[in-house]
């Protein structure tokens, strides 16, 4: 039993010592993204959805990272299917980039093209949010983000359709997302 406890303490000590050297620096590259699969059935009504949005970022200075993302999403409700393609860019400012625990602010711009049968629409969105990164090791960090402020414009298929403009200030902390970052 003593050997198991000593081995666990050694592993935690190594992880802690290794994590102390973690953090971001100028020239670092990281990858992250979003993945979601879901389904729901109520009686005979079935729906399912799938989303994959990988992203990559690069530190242009010690505190500033810029990045891009490409994504695909599909939602099926009964026999109706909608496909979404997203391209976006983001910028982050890290307040303490070289430490194991860092807070950042993020601004992003996204373009989404949706197609459901013959109906097509385009949406442009701008958002601001906050995030936290915590390094578990030199290369892996867990991250949480919260998009607090957003503005979107959807053309609703164009061809004379009225546009939908939406604005949101999110104070709902149920919309916090979690993820993993790999730093090269």
N, C-alpha and C. Protein backbone atom coordinates (compact mmCIF):
# COMPACT_ATOMS: atom_id res chain seq x y z
N UNK A 1 0.83 -1.19 0.00
CA UNK A 1 0.00 0.00 0.00
C UNK A 1 0.87 1.25 0.00
N UNK A 2 1.99 1.20 0.76
CA UNK A 2 2.88 2.36 0.80
C UNK A 2 3.46 2.65 -0.58
N UNK A 3 3.76 1.61 -1.33
CA UNK A 3 4.34 1.79 -2.67
C UNK A 3 3.34 2.49 -3.59
N UNK A 4 2.08 2.13 -3.48
CA UNK A 4 1.05 2.75 -4.33
C UNK A 4 0.91 4.22 -3.98
N UNK A 5 0.88 4.54 -2.69
CA UNK A 5 0.75 5.93 -2.26
C UNK A 5 1.97 6.74 -2.69
N UNK A 6 3.18 6.18 -2.50
CA UNK A 6 4.39 6.89 -2.92
C UNK A 6 4.43 7.08 -4.44
N UNK A 7 3.99 6.07 -5.20
CA UNK A 7 3.95 6.20 -6.66
C UNK A 7 2.97 7.29 -7.08
N UNK A 8 1.79 7.35 -6.43
CA UNK A 8 0.80 8.38 -6.74
C UNK A 8 1.35 9.77 -6.42
N UNK A 9 2.03 9.91 -5.29
CA UNK A 9 2.62 11.20 -4.92
C UNK A 9 3.70 11.60 -5.92
N UNK A 10 4.51 10.63 -6.36
CA UNK A 10 5.56 10.92 -7.34
C UNK A 10 4.97 11.37 -8.67
N UNK A 11 3.92 10.69 -9.13
CA UNK A 11 3.27 11.07 -10.39
C UNK A 11 2.67 12.47 -10.28
N UNK A 12 1.97 12.77 -9.18
CA UNK A 12 1.39 14.10 -9.01
C UNK A 12 2.47 15.17 -8.91
N UNK A 13 3.57 14.86 -8.23
CA UNK A 13 4.68 15.81 -8.13
C UNK A 13 5.31 16.08 -9.47
N UNK A 14 5.50 15.02 -10.28
CA UNK A 14 6.06 15.20 -11.62
C UNK A 14 5.12 16.04 -12.48
N UNK A 15 3.83 15.73 -12.41
CA UNK A 15 2.85 16.49 -13.20
C UNK A 15 2.84 17.95 -12.78
N UNK A 16 2.88 18.21 -11.47
CA UNK A 16 2.88 19.59 -10.98
C UNK A 16 4.14 20.32 -11.41
N UNK A 17 5.30 19.66 -11.28
CA UNK A 17 6.57 20.28 -11.68
C UNK A 17 6.60 20.53 -13.17
N UNK A 18 6.06 19.58 -13.94
CA UNK A 18 6.02 19.73 -15.39
C UNK A 18 5.08 20.86 -15.80
N UNK A 19 3.96 20.99 -15.11
CA UNK A 19 2.97 22.01 -15.44
C UNK A 19 3.47 23.41 -15.11
N UNK A 20 4.40 23.53 -14.17
CA UNK A 20 4.91 24.85 -13.81
C UNK A 20 5.64 25.51 -14.97
N UNK A 21 6.17 24.72 -15.90
CA UNK A 21 6.87 25.28 -17.05
C UNK A 21 5.93 25.50 -18.23
N UNK A 22 4.66 25.16 -18.06
CA UNK A 22 3.70 25.27 -19.15
C UNK A 22 3.26 26.72 -19.32
N UNK A 23 2.56 26.95 -20.38
CA UNK A 23 2.05 28.27 -20.70
C UNK A 23 2.28 28.55 -22.16
N UNK A 24 1.93 29.74 -22.59
CA UNK A 24 2.09 30.12 -23.99
C UNK A 24 3.21 31.13 -24.14
N UNK A 25 3.83 31.15 -25.31
CA UNK A 25 4.88 32.10 -25.64
C UNK A 25 4.76 32.47 -27.11
N UNK A 26 5.42 33.54 -27.51
CA UNK A 26 5.42 33.99 -28.91
C UNK A 26 5.89 32.84 -29.80
N UNK A 27 5.16 32.60 -30.90
CA UNK A 27 5.51 31.55 -31.84
C UNK A 27 4.82 30.22 -31.57
N UNK A 28 4.15 30.06 -30.42
CA UNK A 28 3.45 28.81 -30.12
C UNK A 28 2.23 28.65 -31.04
N UNK A 29 1.92 27.41 -31.37
CA UNK A 29 0.75 27.05 -32.16
C UNK A 29 -0.09 26.10 -31.32
N UNK A 30 -1.42 26.27 -31.35
CA UNK A 30 -2.29 25.37 -30.62
C UNK A 30 -3.47 24.96 -31.48
N UNK A 31 -4.02 23.79 -31.18
CA UNK A 31 -5.23 23.31 -31.85
C UNK A 31 -6.28 23.01 -30.80
N UNK A 32 -7.51 23.19 -31.19
CA UNK A 32 -8.64 22.93 -30.32
C UNK A 32 -9.85 22.72 -31.22
N UNK A 33 -11.03 22.82 -30.68
CA UNK A 33 -12.21 22.71 -31.52
C UNK A 33 -13.42 22.26 -30.74
N UNK A 34 -14.48 22.03 -31.49
CA UNK A 34 -15.74 21.59 -30.89
C UNK A 34 -16.24 20.35 -31.61
N UNK A 35 -16.84 19.45 -30.85
CA UNK A 35 -17.43 18.23 -31.40
C UNK A 35 -18.69 17.94 -30.61
N UNK A 36 -19.78 17.65 -31.34
CA UNK A 36 -21.05 17.39 -30.68
C UNK A 36 -21.84 16.38 -31.50
N UNK A 37 -22.42 15.40 -30.83
CA UNK A 37 -23.32 14.43 -31.44
C UNK A 37 -24.50 14.30 -30.50
N UNK A 38 -25.71 14.33 -31.04
CA UNK A 38 -26.89 14.20 -30.19
C UNK A 38 -28.07 13.64 -30.95
N UNK A 39 -29.01 13.08 -30.21
CA UNK A 39 -30.25 12.59 -30.81
C UNK A 39 -31.36 12.69 -29.78
N UNK A 40 -32.58 12.76 -30.29
CA UNK A 40 -33.75 12.88 -29.43
C UNK A 40 -34.91 12.17 -30.11
N UNK A 41 -35.73 11.51 -29.30
CA UNK A 41 -36.92 10.83 -29.83
C UNK A 41 -38.08 11.08 -28.89
N UNK A 42 -39.18 11.60 -29.45
CA UNK A 42 -40.41 11.81 -28.71
C UNK A 42 -41.51 11.14 -29.52
N UNK A 43 -42.02 10.02 -29.04
CA UNK A 43 -43.01 9.27 -29.82
C UNK A 43 -42.37 8.79 -31.12
N UNK A 44 -42.98 9.16 -32.24
CA UNK A 44 -42.44 8.79 -33.55
C UNK A 44 -41.52 9.87 -34.12
N UNK A 45 -41.42 11.01 -33.44
CA UNK A 45 -40.58 12.11 -33.93
C UNK A 45 -39.13 11.90 -33.50
N UNK A 46 -38.24 11.86 -34.49
CA UNK A 46 -36.82 11.67 -34.21
C UNK A 46 -36.03 12.86 -34.74
N UNK A 47 -34.98 13.23 -34.00
CA UNK A 47 -34.07 14.27 -34.48
C UNK A 47 -32.66 13.89 -34.07
N UNK A 48 -31.70 14.34 -34.86
CA UNK A 48 -30.30 14.09 -34.55
C UNK A 48 -29.47 15.26 -35.06
N UNK A 49 -28.30 15.45 -34.44
CA UNK A 49 -27.41 16.53 -34.89
C UNK A 49 -25.96 16.11 -34.70
N UNK A 50 -25.11 16.72 -35.50
CA UNK A 50 -23.68 16.45 -35.49
C UNK A 50 -22.96 17.76 -35.81
N UNK A 51 -21.90 18.07 -35.06
CA UNK A 51 -21.11 19.28 -35.31
C UNK A 51 -19.64 18.96 -35.10
N UNK A 52 -18.79 19.44 -36.01
CA UNK A 52 -17.34 19.32 -35.89
C UNK A 52 -16.73 20.64 -36.34
N UNK A 53 -16.02 21.33 -35.43
CA UNK A 53 -15.43 22.63 -35.73
C UNK A 53 -14.00 22.68 -35.18
N UNK A 54 -13.00 22.19 -35.94
CA UNK A 54 -11.61 22.31 -35.48
C UNK A 54 -11.11 23.74 -35.64
N UNK A 55 -10.18 24.14 -34.76
CA UNK A 55 -9.60 25.47 -34.85
C UNK A 55 -8.11 25.40 -34.55
N UNK A 56 -7.38 26.39 -35.07
CA UNK A 56 -5.93 26.48 -34.87
C UNK A 56 -5.60 27.93 -34.54
N UNK A 57 -4.64 28.12 -33.64
CA UNK A 57 -4.23 29.47 -33.24
C UNK A 57 -2.71 29.61 -33.24
N UNK A 58 -2.24 30.84 -33.40
CA UNK A 58 -0.81 31.13 -33.45
C UNK A 58 -0.55 32.39 -32.62
N UNK A 59 0.47 32.34 -31.75
CA UNK A 59 0.83 33.49 -30.92
C UNK A 59 1.75 34.42 -31.70
N UNK A 60 1.24 35.59 -32.08
CA UNK A 60 2.04 36.58 -32.82
C UNK A 60 2.90 37.40 -31.86
N UNK A 61 2.47 37.53 -30.62
CA UNK A 61 3.26 38.14 -29.54
C UNK A 61 3.08 37.25 -28.31
N UNK A 62 3.69 37.63 -27.23
CA UNK A 62 3.55 36.83 -26.00
C UNK A 62 2.11 36.80 -25.51
N UNK A 63 1.35 37.86 -25.72
CA UNK A 63 -0.02 37.95 -25.20
C UNK A 63 -1.11 37.78 -26.24
N UNK A 64 -0.80 37.90 -27.53
CA UNK A 64 -1.84 37.93 -28.56
C UNK A 64 -1.75 36.70 -29.46
N UNK A 65 -2.89 36.00 -29.58
CA UNK A 65 -3.00 34.86 -30.49
C UNK A 65 -4.08 35.16 -31.51
N UNK A 66 -3.84 34.76 -32.75
CA UNK A 66 -4.85 34.85 -33.80
C UNK A 66 -5.11 33.44 -34.31
N UNK A 67 -6.30 33.22 -34.83
CA UNK A 67 -6.61 31.87 -35.28
C UNK A 67 -7.76 31.82 -36.24
N UNK A 68 -8.01 30.59 -36.72
CA UNK A 68 -9.09 30.35 -37.68
C UNK A 68 -9.76 29.03 -37.36
N UNK A 69 -10.99 28.89 -37.84
CA UNK A 69 -11.72 27.65 -37.67
C UNK A 69 -12.55 27.36 -38.90
N UNK A 70 -12.76 26.09 -39.17
CA UNK A 70 -13.65 25.61 -40.22
C UNK A 70 -14.55 24.56 -39.61
N UNK A 71 -15.81 24.58 -39.95
CA UNK A 71 -16.70 23.63 -39.32
C UNK A 71 -17.81 23.14 -40.22
N UNK A 72 -18.35 21.99 -39.84
CA UNK A 72 -19.48 21.38 -40.52
C UNK A 72 -20.47 20.93 -39.46
N UNK A 73 -21.74 21.16 -39.73
CA UNK A 73 -22.80 20.69 -38.83
C UNK A 73 -23.96 20.16 -39.64
N UNK A 74 -24.65 19.19 -39.10
CA UNK A 74 -25.81 18.61 -39.77
C UNK A 74 -26.89 18.34 -38.73
N UNK A 75 -28.11 18.74 -39.05
CA UNK A 75 -29.25 18.51 -38.18
C UNK A 75 -30.34 17.83 -38.99
N UNK A 76 -30.91 16.76 -38.45
CA UNK A 76 -31.98 16.06 -39.13
C UNK A 76 -33.17 15.96 -38.20
N UNK A 77 -34.32 16.47 -38.64
CA UNK A 77 -35.56 16.39 -37.89
C UNK A 77 -36.56 15.69 -38.81
N UNK A 78 -36.91 14.45 -38.46
CA UNK A 78 -37.77 13.66 -39.35
C UNK A 78 -37.05 13.43 -40.67
N UNK A 79 -37.67 13.85 -41.78
CA UNK A 79 -37.05 13.71 -43.09
C UNK A 79 -36.33 14.98 -43.54
N UNK A 80 -36.42 16.06 -42.76
CA UNK A 80 -35.80 17.33 -43.11
C UNK A 80 -34.37 17.39 -42.58
N UNK A 81 -33.44 17.77 -43.46
CA UNK A 81 -32.02 17.82 -43.08
C UNK A 81 -31.45 19.19 -43.41
N UNK A 82 -30.67 19.74 -42.49
CA UNK A 82 -30.00 21.02 -42.68
C UNK A 82 -28.50 20.80 -42.50
N UNK A 83 -27.71 21.31 -43.44
CA UNK A 83 -26.25 21.27 -43.35
C UNK A 83 -25.72 22.68 -43.18
N UNK A 84 -24.77 22.85 -42.28
CA UNK A 84 -24.15 24.15 -42.02
C UNK A 84 -22.64 24.05 -42.24
N UNK A 85 -22.10 25.02 -42.96
CA UNK A 85 -20.66 25.14 -43.13
C UNK A 85 -20.24 26.47 -42.52
N UNK A 86 -19.23 26.45 -41.65
CA UNK A 86 -18.80 27.65 -40.94
C UNK A 86 -17.32 27.90 -41.16
N UNK A 87 -16.97 29.16 -41.37
CA UNK A 87 -15.58 29.61 -41.42
C UNK A 87 -15.49 30.80 -40.48
N UNK A 88 -14.41 30.86 -39.71
CA UNK A 88 -14.30 31.96 -38.76
C UNK A 88 -12.87 32.31 -38.44
N UNK A 89 -12.71 33.49 -37.88
CA UNK A 89 -11.41 33.97 -37.43
C UNK A 89 -11.59 34.52 -36.01
N UNK A 90 -10.52 34.42 -35.20
CA UNK A 90 -10.61 34.93 -33.85
C UNK A 90 -9.27 35.53 -33.43
N UNK A 91 -9.34 36.39 -32.44
CA UNK A 91 -8.16 36.96 -31.81
C UNK A 91 -8.33 36.86 -30.31
N UNK A 92 -7.24 36.54 -29.62
CA UNK A 92 -7.27 36.41 -28.17
C UNK A 92 -6.18 37.26 -27.55
N UNK A 93 -6.51 37.82 -26.39
CA UNK A 93 -5.51 38.52 -25.58
C UNK A 93 -5.40 37.77 -24.25
N UNK A 94 -4.22 37.20 -23.99
CA UNK A 94 -3.96 36.46 -22.76
C UNK A 94 -3.34 37.40 -21.73
N UNK A 95 -3.93 37.45 -20.55
CA UNK A 95 -3.44 38.34 -19.51
C UNK A 95 -2.19 37.79 -18.82
N UNK A 96 -2.08 36.47 -18.70
CA UNK A 96 -0.89 35.84 -18.10
C UNK A 96 -0.51 34.63 -18.95
N UNK A 97 0.05 34.84 -20.14
CA UNK A 97 0.26 33.74 -21.08
C UNK A 97 1.32 32.72 -20.66
N UNK A 98 2.31 33.12 -19.89
CA UNK A 98 3.41 32.21 -19.55
C UNK A 98 3.13 31.38 -18.31
N UNK A 99 1.97 31.53 -17.69
CA UNK A 99 1.69 30.79 -16.46
C UNK A 99 0.82 29.57 -16.73
N UNK A 100 0.72 28.73 -15.74
CA UNK A 100 -0.07 27.51 -15.84
C UNK A 100 -1.56 27.83 -15.97
N UNK A 101 -2.01 28.92 -15.40
CA UNK A 101 -3.41 29.32 -15.39
C UNK A 101 -3.50 30.71 -16.02
N UNK A 102 -4.29 30.86 -17.09
CA UNK A 102 -4.35 32.14 -17.77
C UNK A 102 -5.78 32.51 -18.15
N UNK A 103 -6.09 33.77 -18.00
CA UNK A 103 -7.38 34.33 -18.39
C UNK A 103 -7.20 35.04 -19.73
N UNK A 104 -8.18 34.91 -20.62
CA UNK A 104 -8.08 35.60 -21.91
C UNK A 104 -9.42 36.18 -22.32
N UNK A 105 -9.34 37.23 -23.14
CA UNK A 105 -10.51 37.79 -23.79
C UNK A 105 -10.43 37.40 -25.26
N UNK A 106 -11.58 37.15 -25.88
CA UNK A 106 -11.59 36.71 -27.28
C UNK A 106 -12.62 37.48 -28.09
N UNK A 107 -12.24 37.84 -29.31
CA UNK A 107 -13.17 38.44 -30.27
C UNK A 107 -13.17 37.54 -31.50
N UNK A 108 -14.33 37.32 -32.08
CA UNK A 108 -14.42 36.43 -33.23
C UNK A 108 -15.38 36.94 -34.29
N UNK A 109 -15.15 36.48 -35.52
CA UNK A 109 -16.00 36.78 -36.66
C UNK A 109 -16.27 35.46 -37.37
N UNK A 110 -17.55 35.10 -37.56
CA UNK A 110 -17.92 33.83 -38.18
C UNK A 110 -18.85 34.08 -39.37
N UNK A 111 -18.70 33.20 -40.37
CA UNK A 111 -19.60 33.18 -41.52
C UNK A 111 -20.15 31.77 -41.62
N UNK A 112 -21.49 31.64 -41.66
CA UNK A 112 -22.11 30.32 -41.75
C UNK A 112 -23.06 30.29 -42.94
N UNK A 113 -22.92 29.22 -43.74
CA UNK A 113 -23.80 28.97 -44.87
C UNK A 113 -24.64 27.75 -44.52
N UNK A 114 -25.97 27.90 -44.56
CA UNK A 114 -26.88 26.80 -44.23
C UNK A 114 -27.68 26.41 -45.46
N UNK A 115 -27.91 25.10 -45.59
CA UNK A 115 -28.71 24.61 -46.72
C UNK A 115 -29.65 23.54 -46.20
N UNK A 116 -30.94 23.74 -46.46
CA UNK A 116 -31.98 22.77 -46.12
C UNK A 116 -32.81 22.55 -47.37
N UNK A 117 -32.58 21.46 -48.07
CA UNK A 117 -33.26 21.24 -49.36
C UNK A 117 -32.82 22.30 -50.35
N UNK A 118 -33.77 23.04 -50.89
CA UNK A 118 -33.46 24.12 -51.83
C UNK A 118 -33.24 25.46 -51.14
N UNK A 119 -33.58 25.54 -49.86
CA UNK A 119 -33.45 26.79 -49.10
C UNK A 119 -32.01 26.97 -48.64
N UNK A 120 -31.45 28.14 -48.93
CA UNK A 120 -30.09 28.46 -48.50
C UNK A 120 -30.11 29.80 -47.77
N UNK A 121 -29.28 29.91 -46.73
CA UNK A 121 -29.16 31.19 -46.04
C UNK A 121 -27.71 31.38 -45.60
N UNK A 122 -27.36 32.64 -45.38
CA UNK A 122 -26.03 33.00 -44.91
C UNK A 122 -26.17 33.83 -43.64
N UNK A 123 -25.23 33.62 -42.72
CA UNK A 123 -25.24 34.37 -41.48
C UNK A 123 -23.82 34.83 -41.16
N UNK A 124 -23.71 36.07 -40.72
CA UNK A 124 -22.44 36.63 -40.27
C UNK A 124 -22.62 37.00 -38.79
N UNK A 125 -21.63 36.59 -37.98
CA UNK A 125 -21.74 36.87 -36.55
C UNK A 125 -20.44 37.42 -36.00
N UNK A 126 -20.56 38.32 -35.03
CA UNK A 126 -19.43 38.90 -34.31
C UNK A 126 -19.68 38.62 -32.83
N UNK A 127 -18.64 38.17 -32.12
CA UNK A 127 -18.84 37.87 -30.71
C UNK A 127 -17.62 38.24 -29.89
N UNK A 128 -17.88 38.52 -28.62
CA UNK A 128 -16.84 38.80 -27.63
C UNK A 128 -17.07 37.87 -26.45
N UNK A 129 -16.00 37.38 -25.87
CA UNK A 129 -16.15 36.48 -24.74
C UNK A 129 -14.92 36.42 -23.87
N UNK A 130 -15.01 35.61 -22.84
CA UNK A 130 -13.93 35.40 -21.90
C UNK A 130 -13.58 33.92 -21.85
N UNK A 131 -12.37 33.62 -21.42
CA UNK A 131 -11.97 32.23 -21.30
C UNK A 131 -10.87 32.05 -20.27
N UNK A 132 -10.66 30.79 -19.90
CA UNK A 132 -9.61 30.40 -18.96
C UNK A 132 -8.89 29.19 -19.53
N UNK A 133 -7.58 29.17 -19.43
CA UNK A 133 -6.79 28.00 -19.79
C UNK A 133 -6.02 27.53 -18.56
N UNK A 134 -5.99 26.21 -18.38
CA UNK A 134 -5.23 25.63 -17.27
C UNK A 134 -4.40 24.48 -17.83
N UNK A 135 -3.07 24.60 -17.75
CA UNK A 135 -2.18 23.57 -18.29
C UNK A 135 -2.07 22.39 -17.34
N UNK A 136 -2.33 21.20 -17.88
CA UNK A 136 -2.16 19.95 -17.14
C UNK A 136 -0.74 19.43 -17.32
N UNK A 137 -0.13 19.75 -18.46
CA UNK A 137 1.24 19.37 -18.76
C UNK A 137 1.81 20.43 -19.70
N UNK A 138 2.99 20.19 -20.22
CA UNK A 138 3.63 21.17 -21.10
C UNK A 138 2.84 21.39 -22.39
N UNK A 139 2.12 20.35 -22.86
CA UNK A 139 1.42 20.45 -24.14
C UNK A 139 -0.10 20.46 -24.05
N UNK A 140 -0.67 19.96 -22.97
CA UNK A 140 -2.13 19.86 -22.86
C UNK A 140 -2.68 20.83 -21.83
N UNK A 141 -3.77 21.50 -22.23
CA UNK A 141 -4.47 22.41 -21.32
C UNK A 141 -5.97 22.15 -21.44
N UNK A 142 -6.67 22.36 -20.35
CA UNK A 142 -8.13 22.37 -20.43
C UNK A 142 -8.54 23.83 -20.51
N UNK A 143 -9.66 24.06 -21.17
CA UNK A 143 -10.07 25.43 -21.43
C UNK A 143 -11.57 25.55 -21.25
N UNK A 144 -11.98 26.67 -20.76
CA UNK A 144 -13.39 26.98 -20.69
C UNK A 144 -13.60 28.36 -21.32
N UNK A 145 -14.67 28.49 -22.08
CA UNK A 145 -14.97 29.77 -22.73
C UNK A 145 -16.44 30.13 -22.51
N UNK A 146 -16.68 31.41 -22.56
CA UNK A 146 -18.03 31.94 -22.38
C UNK A 146 -18.20 33.10 -23.35
N UNK A 147 -19.08 32.93 -24.34
CA UNK A 147 -19.35 34.00 -25.30
C UNK A 147 -20.39 34.93 -24.70
N UNK A 148 -19.96 36.05 -24.19
CA UNK A 148 -20.85 36.93 -23.46
C UNK A 148 -21.62 37.93 -24.29
N UNK A 149 -21.09 38.32 -25.45
CA UNK A 149 -21.72 39.37 -26.24
C UNK A 149 -21.67 38.97 -27.70
N UNK A 150 -22.81 39.02 -28.40
CA UNK A 150 -22.83 38.61 -29.80
C UNK A 150 -23.82 39.38 -30.64
N UNK A 151 -23.51 39.50 -31.93
CA UNK A 151 -24.40 40.15 -32.89
C UNK A 151 -24.36 39.33 -34.18
N UNK A 152 -25.53 38.94 -34.70
CA UNK A 152 -25.63 38.13 -35.92
C UNK A 152 -26.59 38.76 -36.90
N UNK A 153 -26.28 38.58 -38.18
CA UNK A 153 -27.16 39.00 -39.27
C UNK A 153 -27.37 37.79 -40.17
N UNK A 154 -28.65 37.39 -40.38
CA UNK A 154 -28.99 36.26 -41.23
C UNK A 154 -29.83 36.78 -42.38
N UNK A 155 -29.46 36.40 -43.63
CA UNK A 155 -30.20 36.92 -44.78
C UNK A 155 -31.46 36.12 -45.07
N UNK A 156 -31.74 35.05 -44.32
CA UNK A 156 -32.96 34.25 -44.46
C UNK A 156 -33.23 33.81 -45.89
N UNK A 157 -32.19 33.52 -46.62
CA UNK A 157 -32.34 33.01 -47.98
C UNK A 157 -32.29 34.06 -49.05
N UNK A 158 -32.23 35.32 -48.68
CA UNK A 158 -32.14 36.40 -49.68
C UNK A 158 -33.39 36.48 -50.53
N UNK A 159 -33.24 36.90 -51.78
CA UNK A 159 -34.34 37.02 -52.75
C UNK A 159 -35.52 37.81 -52.20
N UNK A 160 -35.24 38.93 -51.58
CA UNK A 160 -36.29 39.79 -51.07
C UNK A 160 -36.73 39.49 -49.64
N UNK A 161 -36.21 38.42 -49.04
CA UNK A 161 -36.58 38.10 -47.66
C UNK A 161 -35.96 39.13 -46.72
N UNK A 162 -36.67 39.44 -45.66
CA UNK A 162 -36.14 40.38 -44.69
C UNK A 162 -35.04 39.72 -43.87
N UNK A 163 -34.01 40.49 -43.58
CA UNK A 163 -32.90 39.99 -42.78
C UNK A 163 -33.30 39.92 -41.32
N UNK A 164 -32.67 38.99 -40.62
CA UNK A 164 -32.85 38.89 -39.17
C UNK A 164 -31.57 39.35 -38.50
N UNK A 165 -31.69 40.39 -37.67
CA UNK A 165 -30.57 40.89 -36.88
C UNK A 165 -30.82 40.47 -35.44
N UNK A 166 -29.80 39.88 -34.82
CA UNK A 166 -29.97 39.50 -33.42
C UNK A 166 -28.77 39.95 -32.60
N UNK A 167 -29.06 40.37 -31.38
CA UNK A 167 -28.05 40.85 -30.46
C UNK A 167 -28.25 40.11 -29.15
N UNK A 168 -27.16 39.69 -28.52
CA UNK A 168 -27.31 39.01 -27.24
C UNK A 168 -26.20 39.38 -26.28
N UNK A 169 -26.58 39.57 -25.05
CA UNK A 169 -25.65 39.77 -23.96
C UNK A 169 -25.91 38.62 -23.00
N UNK A 170 -25.01 37.65 -23.00
CA UNK A 170 -25.24 36.44 -22.23
C UNK A 170 -24.71 36.52 -20.83
N UNK A 171 -25.60 36.47 -19.88
CA UNK A 171 -25.19 36.38 -18.49
C UNK A 171 -25.53 35.00 -17.93
N UNK A 172 -25.96 34.10 -18.82
CA UNK A 172 -26.35 32.75 -18.43
C UNK A 172 -25.11 31.86 -18.41
N UNK A 173 -24.64 31.52 -17.22
CA UNK A 173 -23.42 30.72 -17.11
C UNK A 173 -23.64 29.25 -17.45
N UNK A 174 -24.88 28.88 -17.85
CA UNK A 174 -25.10 27.53 -18.36
C UNK A 174 -24.54 27.39 -19.77
N UNK A 175 -24.18 28.50 -20.42
CA UNK A 175 -23.65 28.47 -21.77
C UNK A 175 -22.12 28.45 -21.79
N UNK A 176 -21.50 28.06 -20.71
CA UNK A 176 -20.05 27.93 -20.65
C UNK A 176 -19.67 26.63 -21.34
N UNK A 177 -18.63 26.67 -22.19
CA UNK A 177 -18.18 25.46 -22.86
C UNK A 177 -16.79 25.08 -22.38
N UNK A 178 -16.51 23.78 -22.43
CA UNK A 178 -15.23 23.25 -21.98
C UNK A 178 -14.55 22.53 -23.12
N UNK A 179 -13.24 22.53 -23.13
CA UNK A 179 -12.50 21.86 -24.18
C UNK A 179 -11.07 21.55 -23.77
N UNK A 180 -10.34 21.00 -24.72
CA UNK A 180 -8.94 20.64 -24.53
C UNK A 180 -8.13 21.33 -25.62
N UNK A 181 -6.96 21.81 -25.25
CA UNK A 181 -6.04 22.45 -26.20
C UNK A 181 -4.76 21.62 -26.24
N UNK A 182 -4.23 21.45 -27.44
CA UNK A 182 -2.92 20.84 -27.59
C UNK A 182 -1.97 21.92 -28.13
N UNK A 183 -0.87 22.18 -27.42
CA UNK A 183 0.11 23.18 -27.83
C UNK A 183 1.32 22.46 -28.43
N UNK A 184 1.73 22.91 -29.61
CA UNK A 184 2.92 22.32 -30.26
C UNK A 184 4.18 22.93 -29.70
